[in-house]
Amino acid sequence: MQVKSIYRFARISAFKAREVTRAIQGLPATDALDLLRFTPKKAAPLIIKTLKSAIANAENNNNMNPESLVVKEAVVGEGPTFKRFQPKARGSAGPIRKRTSHIRIILTDEIEIKRRTPAVKTKKPRREKPAVKTPEPTVAAETSTPVVETKE
């Protein structure tokens, strides 16, 4: 069964919010909440609010276990844009577009939970650098001061 929650007219551009929703798609709902808590983006709290609402809808309306829920779809669409104007030099005006978005999250319990494992970096064997021959210091021949013979 699928459960959805929609946050309409969120005051953030859809472009910025999509970056965060891409990260949680396909994750278990509890893992998605953990990931969003530590995301420093402005969109993260807005998406957390929507995700918590979807989890509450699943629990209270459909008697579903929140541990078995998976984020099937996390979509951000554009909402209406507020148009404002900023005064500019010499009596002109520049447009300001205050964008909004609609955040939609769909949870399901039909998909089996697959936890993402962090990519483990394997160390490559270090390639030995070829031995560089350093030039041996040459001993400078003893320089003696030239003897100048003078005739008297």
C-alpha atoms as a PDB file:
ATOM      1  CA  MET A   1       0.000   0.000   0.000  1.00  0.00           C
ATOM      2  CA  GLN A   2       1.179   3.512  -0.762  1.00  0.00           C
ATOM      3  CA  VAL A   3       0.954   6.578   1.456  1.00  0.00           C
ATOM      4  CA  LYS A   4       1.688  10.123   0.374  1.00  0.00           C
ATOM      5  CA  SER A   5       2.228  13.524   1.862  1.00  0.00           C
ATOM      6  CA  ILE A   6       2.461  16.866   0.044  1.00  0.00           C
ATOM      7  CA  TYR A   7       3.981  20.098   1.300  1.00  0.00           C
ATOM      8  CA  ARG A   8       2.600  22.819  -0.968  1.00  0.00           C
ATOM      9  CA  PHE A   9       3.974  26.311  -1.483  1.00  0.00           C
ATOM     10  CA  ALA A  10       7.293  25.645   0.259  1.00  0.00           C
ATOM     11  CA  ARG A  11       9.399  28.815   0.095  1.00  0.00           C
ATOM     12  CA  ILE A  12      12.400  27.332  -1.666  1.00  0.00           C
ATOM     13  CA  SER A  13      13.197  26.904  -5.322  1.00  0.00           C
ATOM     14  CA  ALA A  14      12.497  23.464  -6.727  1.00  0.00           C
ATOM     15  CA  PHE A  15      16.026  23.290  -8.142  1.00  0.00           C
ATOM     16  CA  LYS A  16      17.545  23.522  -4.647  1.00  0.00           C
ATOM     17  CA  ALA A  17      15.099  21.088  -3.053  1.00  0.00           C
ATOM     18  CA  ARG A  18      15.528  18.419  -5.752  1.00  0.00           C
ATOM     19  CA  GLU A  19      19.163  17.977  -4.811  1.00  0.00           C
ATOM     20  CA  VAL A  20      18.127  16.798  -1.337  1.00  0.00           C
ATOM     21  CA  THR A  21      15.203  14.603  -2.414  1.00  0.00           C
ATOM     22  CA  ARG A  22      17.417  12.699  -4.863  1.00  0.00           C
ATOM     23  CA  ALA A  23      19.501  11.513  -1.913  1.00  0.00           C
ATOM     24  CA  ILE A  24      16.592   9.863  -0.066  1.00  0.00           C
ATOM     25  CA  GLN A  25      14.834   8.099  -2.940  1.00  0.00           C
ATOM     26  CA  GLY A  26      14.781   4.344  -2.449  1.00  0.00           C
ATOM     27  CA  LEU A  27      15.935   4.506   1.187  1.00  0.00           C
ATOM     28  CA  PRO A  28      14.004   3.105   4.148  1.00  0.00           C
ATOM     29  CA  ALA A  29      12.011   5.892   5.805  1.00  0.00           C
ATOM     30  CA  THR A  30      13.996   5.728   9.070  1.00  0.00           C
ATOM     31  CA  ASP A  31      17.320   5.911   7.208  1.00  0.00           C
ATOM     32  CA  ALA A  32      16.030   8.826   5.134  1.00  0.00           C
ATOM     33  CA  LEU A  33      15.157  10.734   8.327  1.00  0.00           C
ATOM     34  CA  ASP A  34      18.650  10.110   9.708  1.00  0.00           C
ATOM     35  CA  LEU A  35      20.260  11.273   6.486  1.00  0.00           C
ATOM     36  CA  LEU A  36      18.164  14.436   6.351  1.00  0.00           C
ATOM     37  CA  ARG A  37      18.937  15.369   9.964  1.00  0.00           C
ATOM     38  CA  PHE A  38      22.594  15.776   9.094  1.00  0.00           C
ATOM     39  CA  THR A  39      22.113  17.504   5.747  1.00  0.00           C
ATOM     40  CA  PRO A  40      23.099  21.189   5.999  1.00  0.00           C
ATOM     41  CA  LYS A  41      20.837  22.352   3.148  1.00  0.00           C
ATOM     42  CA  LYS A  42      17.860  24.671   3.726  1.00  0.00           C
ATOM     43  CA  ALA A  43      15.547  22.166   2.028  1.00  0.00           C
ATOM     44  CA  ALA A  44      16.318  19.381   4.530  1.00  0.00           C
ATOM     45  CA  PRO A  45      13.979  20.578   7.343  1.00  0.00           C
ATOM     46  CA  LEU A  46      11.158  21.109   4.847  1.00  0.00           C
ATOM     47  CA  ILE A  47      11.593  17.586   3.494  1.00  0.00           C
ATOM     48  CA  ILE A  48      11.866  16.144   7.027  1.00  0.00           C
ATOM     49  CA  LYS A  49       8.510  17.756   7.829  1.00  0.00           C
ATOM     50  CA  THR A  50       6.928  16.172   4.759  1.00  0.00           C
ATOM     51  CA  LEU A  51       8.506  12.763   5.432  1.00  0.00           C
ATOM     52  CA  LYS A  52       7.342  12.754   9.054  1.00  0.00           C
ATOM     53  CA  SER A  53       3.844  13.624   7.875  1.00  0.00           C
ATOM     54  CA  ALA A  54       3.878  10.708   5.425  1.00  0.00           C
ATOM     55  CA  ILE A  55       5.061   8.334   8.168  1.00  0.00           C
ATOM     56  CA  ALA A  56       2.314   9.594  10.499  1.00  0.00           C
ATOM     57  CA  ASN A  57      -0.270   9.110   7.732  1.00  0.00           C
ATOM     58  CA  ALA A  58       0.908   5.523   7.273  1.00  0.00           C
ATOM     59  CA  GLU A  59       0.753   4.762  11.004  1.00  0.00           C
ATOM     60  CA  ASN A  60      -2.521   6.436  11.902  1.00  0.00           C
ATOM     61  CA  ASN A  61      -4.617   6.068   8.766  1.00  0.00           C
ATOM     62  CA  ASN A  62      -3.443   2.717   7.432  1.00  0.00           C
ATOM     63  CA  ASN A  63      -2.006   0.927  10.503  1.00  0.00           C
ATOM     64  CA  MET A  64       1.353   0.387   8.815  1.00  0.00           C
ATOM     65  CA  ASN A  65       4.636  -0.266  10.594  1.00  0.00           C
ATOM     66  CA  PRO A  66       7.061   2.666  10.065  1.00  0.00           C
ATOM     67  CA  GLU A  67      10.028   0.254  10.106  1.00  0.00           C
ATOM     68  CA  SER A  68       8.809  -1.417   6.906  1.00  0.00           C
ATOM     69  CA  LEU A  69       8.283   1.796   4.908  1.00  0.00           C
ATOM     70  CA  VAL A  70      10.485   2.736   1.963  1.00  0.00           C
ATOM     71  CA  VAL A  71      10.626   6.080   0.149  1.00  0.00           C
ATOM     72  CA  LYS A  72       9.264   5.081  -3.232  1.00  0.00           C
ATOM     73  CA  GLU A  73       9.159   8.572  -4.677  1.00  0.00           C
ATOM     74  CA  ALA A  74      10.359  11.985  -3.531  1.00  0.00           C
ATOM     75  CA  VAL A  75       9.441  14.641  -6.082  1.00  0.00           C
ATOM     76  CA  VAL A  76       9.735  18.405  -6.024  1.00  0.00           C
ATOM     77  CA  GLY A  77       7.674  20.396  -8.510  1.00  0.00           C
ATOM     78  CA  GLU A  78       7.588  24.110  -9.127  1.00  0.00           C
ATOM     79  CA  GLY A  79       4.929  26.179  -7.416  1.00  0.00           C
ATOM     80  CA  PRO A  80       3.843  29.728  -8.221  1.00  0.00           C
ATOM     81  CA  THR A  81       6.506  32.423  -8.325  1.00  0.00           C
ATOM     82  CA  PHE A  82       6.030  35.654  -6.386  1.00  0.00           C
ATOM     83  CA  LYS A  83       7.091  38.578  -8.528  1.00  0.00           C
ATOM     84  CA  ARG A  84       8.590  41.591  -6.803  1.00  0.00           C
ATOM     85  CA  PHE A  85      10.663  44.560  -7.962  1.00  0.00           C
ATOM     86  CA  GLN A  86      13.901  46.044  -6.655  1.00  0.00           C
ATOM     87  CA  PRO A  87      14.551  49.735  -7.335  1.00  0.00           C
ATOM     88  CA  LYS A  88      17.627  50.329  -9.459  1.00  0.00           C
ATOM     89  CA  ALA A  89      19.622  53.345 -10.544  1.00  0.00           C
ATOM     90  CA  ARG A  90      18.159  56.168 -12.603  1.00  0.00           C
ATOM     91  CA  GLY A  91      14.533  55.342 -11.863  1.00  0.00           C
ATOM     92  CA  SER A  92      14.513  51.824 -13.293  1.00  0.00           C
ATOM     93  CA  ALA A  93      13.516  48.609 -11.547  1.00  0.00           C
ATOM     94  CA  GLY A  94      14.853  45.068 -11.581  1.00  0.00           C
ATOM     95  CA  PRO A  95      12.649  41.996 -11.181  1.00  0.00           C
ATOM     96  CA  ILE A  96      12.939  39.642  -8.193  1.00  0.00           C
ATOM     97  CA  ARG A  97      11.436  36.172  -8.491  1.00  0.00           C
ATOM     98  CA  LYS A  98      10.627  34.477  -5.178  1.00  0.00           C
ATOM     99  CA  ARG A  99      10.159  30.867  -6.152  1.00  0.00           C
ATOM    100  CA  THR A 100       8.055  28.278  -4.356  1.00  0.00           C
ATOM    101  CA  SER A 101       7.761  24.537  -4.755  1.00  0.00           C
ATOM    102  CA  HIS A 102       5.541  21.566  -3.965  1.00  0.00           C
ATOM    103  CA  ILE A 103       7.272  18.639  -2.191  1.00  0.00           C
ATOM    104  CA  ARG A 104       5.592  15.232  -2.622  1.00  0.00           C
ATOM    105  CA  ILE A 105       6.776  12.080  -0.851  1.00  0.00           C
ATOM    106  CA  ILE A 106       5.287   8.640  -1.460  1.00  0.00           C
ATOM    107  CA  LEU A 107       6.043   5.791   0.957  1.00  0.00           C
ATOM    108  CA  THR A 108       5.293   2.139   0.360  1.00  0.00           C
ATOM    109  CA  ASP A 109       5.696  -1.148   2.176  1.00  0.00           C
ATOM    110  CA  GLU A 110       5.591  -3.249  -1.003  1.00  0.00           C
ATOM    111  CA  ILE A 111       9.278  -2.778  -1.835  1.00  0.00           C
ATOM    112  CA  GLU A 112      11.766  -4.846   0.130  1.00  0.00           C
ATOM    113  CA  ILE A 113      14.206  -2.836   2.203  1.00  0.00           C
ATOM    114  CA  LYS A 114      17.693  -2.595   0.770  1.00  0.00           C
ATOM    115  CA  ARG A 115      20.155  -0.692   2.902  1.00  0.00           C
ATOM    116  CA  ARG A 116      22.850   1.200   1.099  1.00  0.00           C
ATOM    117  CA  THR A 117      26.286   0.249   2.213  1.00  0.00           C
ATOM    118  CA  PRO A 118      28.954   2.912   2.023  1.00  0.00           C
ATOM    119  CA  ALA A 119      31.451   2.302  -0.717  1.00  0.00           C
ATOM    120  CA  VAL A 120      34.533   0.778   0.850  1.00  0.00           C
ATOM    121  CA  LYS A 121      37.678   2.083  -0.675  1.00  0.00           C
ATOM    122  CA  THR A 122      40.279  -0.576  -1.140  1.00  0.00           C
ATOM    123  CA  LYS A 123      43.811   0.568  -0.973  1.00  0.00           C
ATOM    124  CA  LYS A 124      45.755  -0.046  -4.092  1.00  0.00           C
ATOM    125  CA  PRO A 125      49.223  -1.458  -3.596  1.00  0.00           C
ATOM    126  CA  ARG A 126      51.674   1.382  -3.675  1.00  0.00           C
ATOM    127  CA  ARG A 127      53.801   1.428  -6.737  1.00  0.00           C
ATOM    128  CA  GLU A 128      57.430   1.635  -5.852  1.00  0.00           C
ATOM    129  CA  LYS A 129      59.098   4.629  -7.305  1.00  0.00           C
ATOM    130  CA  PRO A 130      62.190   3.933  -9.358  1.00  0.00           C
ATOM    131  CA  ALA A 131      65.383   4.685  -7.529  1.00  0.00           C
ATOM    132  CA  VAL A 132      66.649   8.067  -8.543  1.00  0.00           C
ATOM    133  CA  LYS A 133      70.392   8.271  -8.779  1.00  0.00           C
ATOM    134  CA  THR A 134      71.651  11.310  -7.031  1.00  0.00           C
ATOM    135  CA  PRO A 135      74.857  12.694  -8.400  1.00  0.00           C
ATOM    136  CA  GLU A 136      77.742  12.114  -6.079  1.00  0.00           C
ATOM    137  CA  PRO A 137      79.238  15.288  -4.774  1.00  0.00           C
ATOM    138  CA  THR A 138      82.415  16.016  -6.652  1.00  0.00           C
ATOM    139  CA  VAL A 139      85.351  17.072  -4.629  1.00  0.00           C
ATOM    140  CA  ALA A 140      86.733  20.245  -6.063  1.00  0.00           C
ATOM    141  CA  ALA A 141      90.460  20.131  -6.731  1.00  0.00           C
ATOM    142  CA  GLU A 142      92.402  22.079  -4.229  1.00  0.00           C
ATOM    143  CA  THR A 143      92.866  25.477  -5.560  1.00  0.00           C
ATOM    144  CA  SER A 144      96.048  27.135  -4.691  1.00  0.00           C
ATOM    145  CA  THR A 145      96.708  30.761  -5.058  1.00  0.00           C
ATOM    146  CA  PRO A 146      98.933  31.460  -7.991  1.00  0.00           C
ATOM    147  CA  VAL A 147     102.374  32.550  -7.066  1.00  0.00           C
ATOM    148  CA  VAL A 148     103.321  35.711  -8.804  1.00  0.00           C
ATOM    149  CA  GLU A 149     106.996  36.161  -9.283  1.00  0.00           C
ATOM    150  CA  THR A 150     108.271  39.618  -9.464  1.00  0.00           C
ATOM    151  CA  LYS A 151     111.656  40.571 -10.831  1.00  0.00           C
ATOM    152  CA  GLU A 152     113.692  43.081  -8.933  1.00  0.00           C
END
